[in-house]
Amino acid sequence: MLIVDVQKPVARVTLDRPDTHNAFNDELIPLVTDAFKELGSVMTSVSLFSAEAESRFAPAPISTG
């Protein structure tokens, strides 16, 4: 679902949910948030955010309440 690869000074966070077009959901959002929080404590100069599959990102469903 989420791949974090640190090769100092570069960190890459990759979404790996091609079956859902890398859509964000309630499970993925905290994983991404936590990954970047952890990277904040690691000495990296560049953080890349990418995705596997042909369609890169799909928006999460929006709840209107």
PDB file of N, CA and C in Angstrom:
ATOM      1  N   MET A   1       0.813  -1.191   0.000  1.00  0.00           N
ATOM      2  CA  MET A   1       0.000   0.000   0.000  1.00  0.00           C
ATOM      3  C   MET A   1       0.860   1.259   0.000  1.00  0.00           C
ATOM      4  N   LEU A   2       1.930   1.296   0.797  1.00  0.00           N
ATOM      5  CA  LEU A   2       2.803   2.456   0.878  1.00  0.00           C
ATOM      6  C   LEU A   2       4.238   1.961   1.009  1.00  0.00           C
ATOM      7  N   ILE A   3       5.095   2.473   0.166  1.00  0.00           N
ATOM      8  CA  ILE A   3       6.508   2.090   0.182  1.00  0.00           C
ATOM      9  C   ILE A   3       7.318   3.323   0.545  1.00  0.00           C
ATOM     10  N   VAL A   4       8.155   3.215   1.568  1.00  0.00           N
ATOM     11  CA  VAL A   4       9.035   4.312   1.967  1.00  0.00           C
ATOM     12  C   VAL A   4      10.463   3.830   1.781  1.00  0.00           C
ATOM     13  N   ASP A   5      11.214   4.562   0.975  1.00  0.00           N
ATOM     14  CA  ASP A   5      12.604   4.213   0.681  1.00  0.00           C
ATOM     15  C   ASP A   5      13.474   5.426   0.967  1.00  0.00           C
ATOM     16  N   VAL A   6      14.404   5.296   1.889  1.00  0.00           N
ATOM     17  CA  VAL A   6      15.304   6.397   2.228  1.00  0.00           C
ATOM     18  C   VAL A   6      16.705   6.049   1.752  1.00  0.00           C
ATOM     19  N   GLN A   7      17.206   6.841   0.845  1.00  0.00           N
ATOM     20  CA  GLN A   7      18.582   6.757   0.364  1.00  0.00           C
ATOM     21  C   GLN A   7      19.143   8.165   0.551  1.00  0.00           C
ATOM     22  N   LYS A   8      19.624   8.434   1.753  1.00  0.00           N
ATOM     23  CA  LYS A   8      20.022   9.801   2.114  1.00  0.00           C
ATOM     24  C   LYS A   8      20.870  10.426   1.016  1.00  0.00           C
ATOM     25  N   PRO A   9      20.574  11.645   0.671  1.00  0.00           N
ATOM     26  CA  PRO A   9      19.677  12.604   1.312  1.00  0.00           C
ATOM     27  C   PRO A   9      18.263  12.615   0.721  1.00  0.00           C
ATOM     28  N   VAL A  10      17.889  11.566  -0.027  1.00  0.00           N
ATOM     29  CA  VAL A  10      16.584  11.543  -0.699  1.00  0.00           C
ATOM     30  C   VAL A  10      15.699  10.476  -0.067  1.00  0.00           C
ATOM     31  N   ALA A  11      14.429  10.828   0.125  1.00  0.00           N
ATOM     32  CA  ALA A  11      13.433   9.871   0.593  1.00  0.00           C
ATOM     33  C   ALA A  11      12.303   9.841  -0.427  1.00  0.00           C
ATOM     34  N   ARG A  12      11.826   8.645  -0.726  1.00  0.00           N
ATOM     35  CA  ARG A  12      10.718   8.502  -1.671  1.00  0.00           C
ATOM     36  C   ARG A  12       9.580   7.755  -0.985  1.00  0.00           C
ATOM     37  N   VAL A  13       8.401   8.361  -1.027  1.00  0.00           N
ATOM     38  CA  VAL A  13       7.185   7.744  -0.513  1.00  0.00           C
ATOM     39  C   VAL A  13       6.328   7.420  -1.736  1.00  0.00           C
ATOM     40  N   THR A  14       6.049   6.132  -1.924  1.00  0.00           N
ATOM     41  CA  THR A  14       5.334   5.691  -3.121  1.00  0.00           C
ATOM     42  C   THR A  14       4.030   5.014  -2.739  1.00  0.00           C
ATOM     43  N   LEU A  15       2.952   5.478  -3.337  1.00  0.00           N
ATOM     44  CA  LEU A  15       1.667   4.800  -3.191  1.00  0.00           C
ATOM     45  C   LEU A  15       1.692   3.566  -4.087  1.00  0.00           C
ATOM     46  N   ASP A  16       1.257   2.428  -3.571  1.00  0.00           N
ATOM     47  CA  ASP A  16       1.253   1.197  -4.353  1.00  0.00           C
ATOM     48  C   ASP A  16      -0.102   0.510  -4.232  1.00  0.00           C
ATOM     49  N   ARG A  17      -1.111   1.168  -4.809  1.00  0.00           N
ATOM     50  CA  ARG A  17      -2.476   0.628  -4.819  1.00  0.00           C
ATOM     51  C   ARG A  17      -3.024   0.727  -6.233  1.00  0.00           C
ATOM     52  N   PRO A  18      -2.393   0.089  -7.202  1.00  0.00           N
ATOM     53  CA  PRO A  18      -2.823   0.247  -8.593  1.00  0.00           C
ATOM     54  C   PRO A  18      -4.254  -0.212  -8.849  1.00  0.00           C
ATOM     55  N   ASP A  19      -4.731  -1.151  -8.047  1.00  0.00           N
ATOM     56  CA  ASP A  19      -6.101  -1.640  -8.234  1.00  0.00           C
ATOM     57  C   ASP A  19      -7.145  -0.565  -7.918  1.00  0.00           C
ATOM     58  N   THR A  20      -6.758   0.457  -7.160  1.00  0.00           N
ATOM     59  CA  THR A  20      -7.677   1.550  -6.821  1.00  0.00           C
ATOM     60  C   THR A  20      -7.213   2.877  -7.423  1.00  0.00           C
ATOM     61  N   HIS A  21      -6.274   2.814  -8.374  1.00  0.00           N
ATOM     62  CA  HIS A  21      -5.701   4.014  -8.978  1.00  0.00           C
ATOM     63  C   HIS A  21      -5.071   4.907  -7.915  1.00  0.00           C
ATOM     64  N   ASN A  22      -4.534   4.267  -6.865  1.00  0.00           N
ATOM     65  CA  ASN A  22      -3.858   4.959  -5.772  1.00  0.00           C
ATOM     66  C   ASN A  22      -4.749   5.975  -5.064  1.00  0.00           C
ATOM     67  N   ALA A  23      -6.023   5.640  -4.985  1.00  0.00           N
ATOM     68  CA  ALA A  23      -6.965   6.530  -4.302  1.00  0.00           C
ATOM     69  C   ALA A  23      -6.661   6.583  -2.810  1.00  0.00           C
ATOM     70  N   PHE A  24      -6.794   7.763  -2.263  1.00  0.00           N
ATOM     71  CA  PHE A  24      -6.651   7.929  -0.821  1.00  0.00           C
ATOM     72  C   PHE A  24      -7.921   7.423  -0.147  1.00  0.00           C
ATOM     73  N   ASN A  25      -7.737   6.783   1.010  1.00  0.00           N
ATOM     74  CA  ASN A  25      -8.883   6.339   1.803  1.00  0.00           C
ATOM     75  C   ASN A  25      -8.534   6.496   3.272  1.00  0.00           C
ATOM     76  N   ASP A  26      -9.452   6.110   4.145  1.00  0.00           N
ATOM     77  CA  ASP A  26      -9.247   6.291   5.582  1.00  0.00           C
ATOM     78  C   ASP A  26      -8.063   5.505   6.120  1.00  0.00           C
ATOM     79  N   GLU A  27      -7.673   4.452   5.438  1.00  0.00           N
ATOM     80  CA  GLU A  27      -6.522   3.653   5.867  1.00  0.00           C
ATOM     81  C   GLU A  27      -5.210   4.261   5.371  1.00  0.00           C
ATOM     82  N   LEU A  28      -5.215   4.786   4.164  1.00  0.00           N
ATOM     83  CA  LEU A  28      -3.988   5.301   3.556  1.00  0.00           C
ATOM     84  C   LEU A  28      -3.582   6.671   4.095  1.00  0.00           C
ATOM     85  N   ILE A  29      -4.537   7.543   4.353  1.00  0.00           N
ATOM     86  CA  ILE A  29      -4.216   8.911   4.776  1.00  0.00           C
ATOM     87  C   ILE A  29      -3.333   8.940   6.025  1.00  0.00           C
ATOM     88  N   PRO A  30      -3.656   8.188   7.092  1.00  0.00           N
ATOM     89  CA  PRO A  30      -2.759   8.219   8.251  1.00  0.00           C
ATOM     90  C   PRO A  30      -1.391   7.596   7.968  1.00  0.00           C
ATOM     91  N   LEU A  31      -1.330   6.616   7.059  1.00  0.00           N
ATOM     92  CA  LEU A  31      -0.033   6.028   6.710  1.00  0.00           C
ATOM     93  C   LEU A  31       0.871   7.056   6.039  1.00  0.00           C
ATOM     94  N   VAL A  32       0.304   7.834   5.114  1.00  0.00           N
ATOM     95  CA  VAL A  32       1.073   8.866   4.431  1.00  0.00           C
ATOM     96  C   VAL A  32       1.493   9.944   5.429  1.00  0.00           C
ATOM     97  N   THR A  33       0.565  10.368   6.270  1.00  0.00           N
ATOM     98  CA  THR A  33       0.867  11.384   7.282  1.00  0.00           C
ATOM     99  C   THR A  33       1.995  10.924   8.195  1.00  0.00           C
ATOM    100  N   ASP A  34       1.893   9.711   8.701  1.00  0.00           N
ATOM    101  CA  ASP A  34       2.922   9.175   9.591  1.00  0.00           C
ATOM    102  C   ASP A  34       4.269   9.039   8.889  1.00  0.00           C
ATOM    103  N   ALA A  35       4.245   8.625   7.632  1.00  0.00           N
ATOM    104  CA  ALA A  35       5.499   8.474   6.881  1.00  0.00           C
ATOM    105  C   ALA A  35       6.231   9.808   6.788  1.00  0.00           C
ATOM    106  N   PHE A  36       5.514  10.880   6.461  1.00  0.00           N
ATOM    107  CA  PHE A  36       6.171  12.181   6.347  1.00  0.00           C
ATOM    108  C   PHE A  36       6.574  12.735   7.708  1.00  0.00           C
ATOM    109  N   LYS A  37       5.835  12.421   8.749  1.00  0.00           N
ATOM    110  CA  LYS A  37       6.256  12.817  10.098  1.00  0.00           C
ATOM    111  C   LYS A  37       7.565  12.140  10.458  1.00  0.00           C
ATOM    112  N   GLU A  38       7.669  10.840  10.159  1.00  0.00           N
ATOM    113  CA  GLU A  38       8.903  10.109  10.439  1.00  0.00           C
ATOM    114  C   GLU A  38      10.063  10.642   9.604  1.00  0.00           C
ATOM    115  N   LEU A  39       9.787  10.975   8.365  1.00  0.00           N
ATOM    116  CA  LEU A  39      10.847  11.531   7.518  1.00  0.00           C
ATOM    117  C   LEU A  39      11.326  12.870   8.038  1.00  0.00           C
ATOM    118  N   GLY A  40      10.475  13.576   8.757  1.00  0.00           N
ATOM    119  CA  GLY A  40      10.879  14.843   9.356  1.00  0.00           C
ATOM    120  C   GLY A  40      11.963  14.660  10.398  1.00  0.00           C
ATOM    121  N   SER A  41      12.032  13.470  10.996  1.00  0.00           N
ATOM    122  CA  SER A  41      13.063  13.205  11.994  1.00  0.00           C
ATOM    123  C   SER A  41      14.318  12.586  11.397  1.00  0.00           C
ATOM    124  N   VAL A  42      14.253  12.239  10.118  1.00  0.00           N
ATOM    125  CA  VAL A  42      15.406  11.661   9.413  1.00  0.00           C
ATOM    126  C   VAL A  42      16.039  12.777   8.592  1.00  0.00           C
ATOM    127  N   MET A  43      17.335  12.828   8.569  1.00  0.00           N
ATOM    128  CA  MET A  43      18.009  13.897   7.840  1.00  0.00           C
ATOM    129  C   MET A  43      17.944  13.635   6.331  1.00  0.00           C
ATOM    130  N   THR A  44      16.927  14.185   5.688  1.00  0.00           N
ATOM    131  CA  THR A  44      16.810  14.096   4.233  1.00  0.00           C
ATOM    132  C   THR A  44      16.691  15.503   3.672  1.00  0.00           C
ATOM    133  N   SER A  45      17.229  15.691   2.489  1.00  0.00           N
ATOM    134  CA  SER A  45      17.146  16.992   1.825  1.00  0.00           C
ATOM    135  C   SER A  45      15.964  17.062   0.871  1.00  0.00           C
ATOM    136  N   VAL A  46      15.574  15.904   0.329  1.00  0.00           N
ATOM    137  CA  VAL A  46      14.517  15.856  -0.673  1.00  0.00           C
ATOM    138  C   VAL A  46      13.564  14.719  -0.314  1.00  0.00           C
ATOM    139  N   SER A  47      12.265  14.998  -0.349  1.00  0.00           N
ATOM    140  CA  SER A  47      11.256  13.962  -0.180  1.00  0.00           C
ATOM    141  C   SER A  47      10.398  13.941  -1.436  1.00  0.00           C
ATOM    142  N   LEU A  48      10.308  12.783  -2.061  1.00  0.00           N
ATOM    143  CA  LEU A  48       9.518  12.617  -3.277  1.00  0.00           C
ATOM    144  C   LEU A  48       8.261  11.830  -2.953  1.00  0.00           C
ATOM    145  N   PHE A  49       7.165  12.238  -3.548  1.00  0.00           N
ATOM    146  CA  PHE A  49       5.896  11.548  -3.360  1.00  0.00           C
ATOM    147  C   PHE A  49       5.461  11.072  -4.734  1.00  0.00           C
ATOM    148  N   SER A  50       5.326   9.764  -4.901  1.00  0.00           N
ATOM    149  CA  SER A  50       4.997   9.219  -6.216  1.00  0.00           C
ATOM    150  C   SER A  50       4.011   8.073  -6.062  1.00  0.00           C
ATOM    151  N   ALA A  51       3.651   7.489  -7.208  1.00  0.00           N
ATOM    152  CA  ALA A  51       2.700   6.386  -7.190  1.00  0.00           C
ATOM    153  C   ALA A  51       3.021   5.405  -8.297  1.00  0.00           C
ATOM    154  N   GLU A  52       2.700   4.146  -8.032  1.00  0.00           N
ATOM    155  CA  GLU A  52       2.805   3.098  -9.033  1.00  0.00           C
ATOM    156  C   GLU A  52       1.526   3.107  -9.867  1.00  0.00           C
ATOM    157  N   ALA A  53       1.570   2.543 -11.037  1.00  0.00           N
ATOM    158  CA  ALA A  53       0.419   2.370 -11.936  1.00  0.00           C
ATOM    159  C   ALA A  53       0.319   3.519 -12.921  1.00  0.00           C
ATOM    160  N   GLU A  54      -0.502   3.310 -13.929  1.00  0.00           N
ATOM    161  CA  GLU A  54      -0.638   4.316 -14.977  1.00  0.00           C
ATOM    162  C   GLU A  54      -1.406   5.544 -14.508  1.00  0.00           C
ATOM    163  N   SER A  55      -2.467   5.359 -13.747  1.00  0.00           N
ATOM    164  CA  SER A  55      -3.151   6.520 -13.200  1.00  0.00           C
ATOM    165  C   SER A  55      -2.532   6.797 -11.841  1.00  0.00           C
ATOM    166  N   ARG A  56      -2.000   7.964 -11.693  1.00  0.00           N
ATOM    167  CA  ARG A  56      -1.166   8.262 -10.541  1.00  0.00           C
ATOM    168  C   ARG A  56      -1.917   8.446  -9.230  1.00  0.00           C
ATOM    169  N   PHE A  57      -2.903   9.301  -9.204  1.00  0.00           N
ATOM    170  CA  PHE A  57      -3.643   9.551  -7.968  1.00  0.00           C
ATOM    171  C   PHE A  57      -5.115   9.725  -8.302  1.00  0.00           C
ATOM    172  N   ALA A  58      -5.938   9.226  -7.440  1.00  0.00           N
ATOM    173  CA  ALA A  58      -7.380   9.478  -7.552  1.00  0.00           C
ATOM    174  C   ALA A  58      -7.796  10.151  -6.248  1.00  0.00           C
ATOM    175  N   PRO A  59      -8.659  11.119  -6.324  1.00  0.00           N
ATOM    176  CA  PRO A  59      -9.057  11.798  -5.095  1.00  0.00           C
ATOM    177  C   PRO A  59      -9.859  10.870  -4.196  1.00  0.00           C
ATOM    178  N   ALA A  60      -9.790  11.157  -2.938  1.00  0.00           N
ATOM    179  CA  ALA A  60     -10.588  10.403  -1.965  1.00  0.00           C
ATOM    180  C   ALA A  60     -12.038  10.853  -2.087  1.00  0.00           C
ATOM    181  N   PRO A  61     -12.964   9.987  -1.746  1.00  0.00           N
ATOM    182  CA  PRO A  61     -14.363  10.416  -1.730  1.00  0.00           C
ATOM    183  C   PRO A  61     -14.532  11.589  -0.771  1.00  0.00           C
ATOM    184  N   ILE A  62     -15.320  12.548  -1.161  1.00  0.00           N
ATOM    185  CA  ILE A  62     -15.554  13.721  -0.329  1.00  0.00           C
ATOM    186  C   ILE A  62     -16.903  13.572   0.349  1.00  0.00           C
ATOM    187  N   SER A  63     -16.888  13.654   1.649  1.00  0.00           N
ATOM    188  CA  SER A  63     -18.133  13.570   2.414  1.00  0.00           C
ATOM    189  C   SER A  63     -18.649  14.980   2.660  1.00  0.00           C
ATOM    190  N   THR A  64     -19.900  15.200   2.381  1.00  0.00           N
ATOM    191  CA  THR A  64     -20.488  16.512   2.625  1.00  0.00           C
ATOM    192  C   THR A  64     -21.200  16.573   3.958  1.00  0.00           C
ATOM    193  N   GLY A  65     -21.027  15.520   4.756  1.00  0.00           N
ATOM    194  CA  GLY A  65     -21.584  15.549   6.102  1.00  0.00           C
ATOM    195  C   GLY A  65     -22.818  14.795   6.189  1.00  0.00           C
TER     196      GLY A  65
END
